[in-house]
């Protein structure tokens, strides 16, 4: 059985899911055509739709950057690359004490 995404409750390989996409793609690795997968272009469209009409290129680039970082963090979470709160505090203390 495929690993389940902690955020969506769906198979991990189909993590980028949403029921309202106008042009859905399918995740067919498990033989099912019931999971929708968002493409990179779909993600950029979603970002653009959420920004004001007069958004600058810099603002658009920043929003894409933030989305990439969130996706990377979720992928790390799915793959078990996490640390405890105590470990994070211990690591940060080294930086802050200098």
C-alpha atoms as a PDB file:
ATOM      1  CA  UNK A   1       0.000   0.000   0.000  1.00  0.00           C
ATOM      2  CA  UNK A   2       1.280   3.493  -0.868  1.00  0.00           C
ATOM      3  CA  UNK A   3       2.345   5.884   1.866  1.00  0.00           C
ATOM      4  CA  UNK A   4      -0.407   8.317   2.814  1.00  0.00           C
ATOM      5  CA  UNK A   5       0.194  12.081   2.767  1.00  0.00           C
ATOM      6  CA  UNK A   6      -0.210  13.566   6.267  1.00  0.00           C
ATOM      7  CA  UNK A   7      -1.786  16.757   4.951  1.00  0.00           C
ATOM      8  CA  UNK A   8      -4.278  15.462   2.380  1.00  0.00           C
ATOM      9  CA  UNK A   9      -4.778  11.881   3.563  1.00  0.00           C
ATOM     10  CA  UNK A  10      -4.169  10.740  -0.024  1.00  0.00           C
ATOM     11  CA  UNK A  11      -1.359   8.634  -1.533  1.00  0.00           C
ATOM     12  CA  UNK A  12       1.953  10.489  -1.045  1.00  0.00           C
ATOM     13  CA  UNK A  13       2.843  10.427  -4.736  1.00  0.00           C
ATOM     14  CA  UNK A  14      -0.355  12.385  -5.431  1.00  0.00           C
ATOM     15  CA  UNK A  15       0.286  15.053  -2.785  1.00  0.00           C
ATOM     16  CA  UNK A  16      -0.448  18.118  -4.896  1.00  0.00           C
ATOM     17  CA  UNK A  17      -4.171  17.676  -5.027  1.00  0.00           C
ATOM     18  CA  UNK A  18      -7.236  19.881  -5.196  1.00  0.00           C
ATOM     19  CA  UNK A  19     -10.772  19.177  -6.360  1.00  0.00           C
ATOM     20  CA  UNK A  20     -11.330  22.513  -8.090  1.00  0.00           C
ATOM     21  CA  UNK A  21      -8.682  22.588 -10.809  1.00  0.00           C
ATOM     22  CA  UNK A  22     -10.041  23.531 -14.187  1.00  0.00           C
ATOM     23  CA  UNK A  23      -7.592  21.295 -16.065  1.00  0.00           C
ATOM     24  CA  UNK A  24      -6.791  18.318 -13.841  1.00  0.00           C
ATOM     25  CA  UNK A  25      -4.070  15.770 -14.494  1.00  0.00           C
ATOM     26  CA  UNK A  26      -4.213  12.213 -13.229  1.00  0.00           C
ATOM     27  CA  UNK A  27      -1.851  10.221 -11.055  1.00  0.00           C
ATOM     28  CA  UNK A  28      -1.927   6.821 -12.727  1.00  0.00           C
ATOM     29  CA  UNK A  29       1.006   5.108 -10.961  1.00  0.00           C
ATOM     30  CA  UNK A  30      -1.377   3.119  -8.804  1.00  0.00           C
ATOM     31  CA  UNK A  31      -3.660   2.286 -11.738  1.00  0.00           C
ATOM     32  CA  UNK A  32      -6.330   4.653 -10.463  1.00  0.00           C
ATOM     33  CA  UNK A  33      -7.581   7.680 -12.348  1.00  0.00           C
ATOM     34  CA  UNK A  34      -9.294   9.121  -9.299  1.00  0.00           C
ATOM     35  CA  UNK A  35      -6.476  11.344  -7.986  1.00  0.00           C
ATOM     36  CA  UNK A  36      -5.862  14.746  -9.560  1.00  0.00           C
ATOM     37  CA  UNK A  37      -2.279  16.029  -9.812  1.00  0.00           C
ATOM     38  CA  UNK A  38      -1.438  19.687 -10.250  1.00  0.00           C
ATOM     39  CA  UNK A  39       1.186  20.587 -12.856  1.00  0.00           C
ATOM     40  CA  UNK A  40       3.761  23.360 -12.378  1.00  0.00           C
ATOM     41  CA  UNK A  41       1.802  25.561 -14.808  1.00  0.00           C
ATOM     42  CA  UNK A  42      -1.366  24.952 -12.768  1.00  0.00           C
ATOM     43  CA  UNK A  43       0.479  26.027  -9.615  1.00  0.00           C
ATOM     44  CA  UNK A  44       1.743  29.232 -11.260  1.00  0.00           C
ATOM     45  CA  UNK A  45      -1.751  30.016 -12.545  1.00  0.00           C
ATOM     46  CA  UNK A  46      -3.089  29.569  -9.024  1.00  0.00           C
ATOM     47  CA  UNK A  47      -0.434  31.925  -7.644  1.00  0.00           C
ATOM     48  CA  UNK A  48      -1.171  34.535 -10.324  1.00  0.00           C
ATOM     49  CA  UNK A  49      -4.908  34.371  -9.700  1.00  0.00           C
ATOM     50  CA  UNK A  50      -4.290  35.132  -6.024  1.00  0.00           C
ATOM     51  CA  UNK A  51      -2.244  38.267  -6.719  1.00  0.00           C
ATOM     52  CA  UNK A  52      -3.549  41.733  -7.528  1.00  0.00           C
ATOM     53  CA  UNK A  53      -3.575  42.821 -11.184  1.00  0.00           C
ATOM     54  CA  UNK A  54      -0.768  45.322 -10.588  1.00  0.00           C
ATOM     55  CA  UNK A  55       1.598  42.785  -8.946  1.00  0.00           C
ATOM     56  CA  UNK A  56       5.231  43.317  -9.908  1.00  0.00           C
ATOM     57  CA  UNK A  57       7.478  40.631 -11.354  1.00  0.00           C
ATOM     58  CA  UNK A  58       9.383  40.707  -8.076  1.00  0.00           C
ATOM     59  CA  UNK A  59       6.202  39.940  -6.114  1.00  0.00           C
ATOM     60  CA  UNK A  60       5.343  37.092  -8.496  1.00  0.00           C
ATOM     61  CA  UNK A  61       8.852  35.633  -8.208  1.00  0.00           C
ATOM     62  CA  UNK A  62       8.667  35.854  -4.421  1.00  0.00           C
ATOM     63  CA  UNK A  63       5.351  33.999  -4.306  1.00  0.00           C
ATOM     64  CA  UNK A  64       6.747  31.232  -6.534  1.00  0.00           C
ATOM     65  CA  UNK A  65       9.828  31.037  -4.283  1.00  0.00           C
ATOM     66  CA  UNK A  66       7.655  30.708  -1.171  1.00  0.00           C
ATOM     67  CA  UNK A  67       5.552  27.975  -2.807  1.00  0.00           C
ATOM     68  CA  UNK A  68       8.720  26.051  -3.720  1.00  0.00           C
ATOM     69  CA  UNK A  69       9.999  26.264  -0.154  1.00  0.00           C
ATOM     70  CA  UNK A  70       6.661  25.065   1.246  1.00  0.00           C
ATOM     71  CA  UNK A  71       6.624  22.151  -1.214  1.00  0.00           C
ATOM     72  CA  UNK A  72      10.191  21.249  -0.251  1.00  0.00           C
ATOM     73  CA  UNK A  73       9.253  21.277   3.429  1.00  0.00           C
ATOM     74  CA  UNK A  74       6.216  19.069   2.815  1.00  0.00           C
ATOM     75  CA  UNK A  75       8.363  16.650   0.805  1.00  0.00           C
ATOM     76  CA  UNK A  76      10.888  16.510   3.647  1.00  0.00           C
ATOM     77  CA  UNK A  77       8.027  15.805   6.052  1.00  0.00           C
ATOM     78  CA  UNK A  78       6.688  13.012   3.822  1.00  0.00           C
ATOM     79  CA  UNK A  79      10.152  11.456   3.629  1.00  0.00           C
ATOM     80  CA  UNK A  80      10.753  11.664   7.376  1.00  0.00           C
ATOM     81  CA  UNK A  81      13.473  14.331   7.231  1.00  0.00           C
ATOM     82  CA  UNK A  82      12.417  16.150  10.380  1.00  0.00           C
ATOM     83  CA  UNK A  83      13.876  17.034  13.773  1.00  0.00           C
ATOM     84  CA  UNK A  84      12.203  17.385  17.138  1.00  0.00           C
ATOM     85  CA  UNK A  85      11.479  20.792  18.668  1.00  0.00           C
ATOM     86  CA  UNK A  86      14.215  20.154  21.241  1.00  0.00           C
ATOM     87  CA  UNK A  87      16.787  19.356  18.529  1.00  0.00           C
ATOM     88  CA  UNK A  88      15.832  22.485  16.567  1.00  0.00           C
ATOM     89  CA  UNK A  89      16.211  24.622  19.706  1.00  0.00           C
ATOM     90  CA  UNK A  90      19.601  23.040  20.457  1.00  0.00           C
ATOM     91  CA  UNK A  91      20.825  23.768  16.921  1.00  0.00           C
ATOM     92  CA  UNK A  92      19.538  27.340  17.011  1.00  0.00           C
ATOM     93  CA  UNK A  93      21.156  27.974  20.397  1.00  0.00           C
ATOM     94  CA  UNK A  94      24.564  27.383  18.815  1.00  0.00           C
ATOM     95  CA  UNK A  95      23.905  30.125  16.270  1.00  0.00           C
ATOM     96  CA  UNK A  96      22.361  32.569  18.717  1.00  0.00           C
ATOM     97  CA  UNK A  97      25.067  32.186  21.372  1.00  0.00           C
ATOM     98  CA  UNK A  98      27.881  33.265  19.030  1.00  0.00           C
END
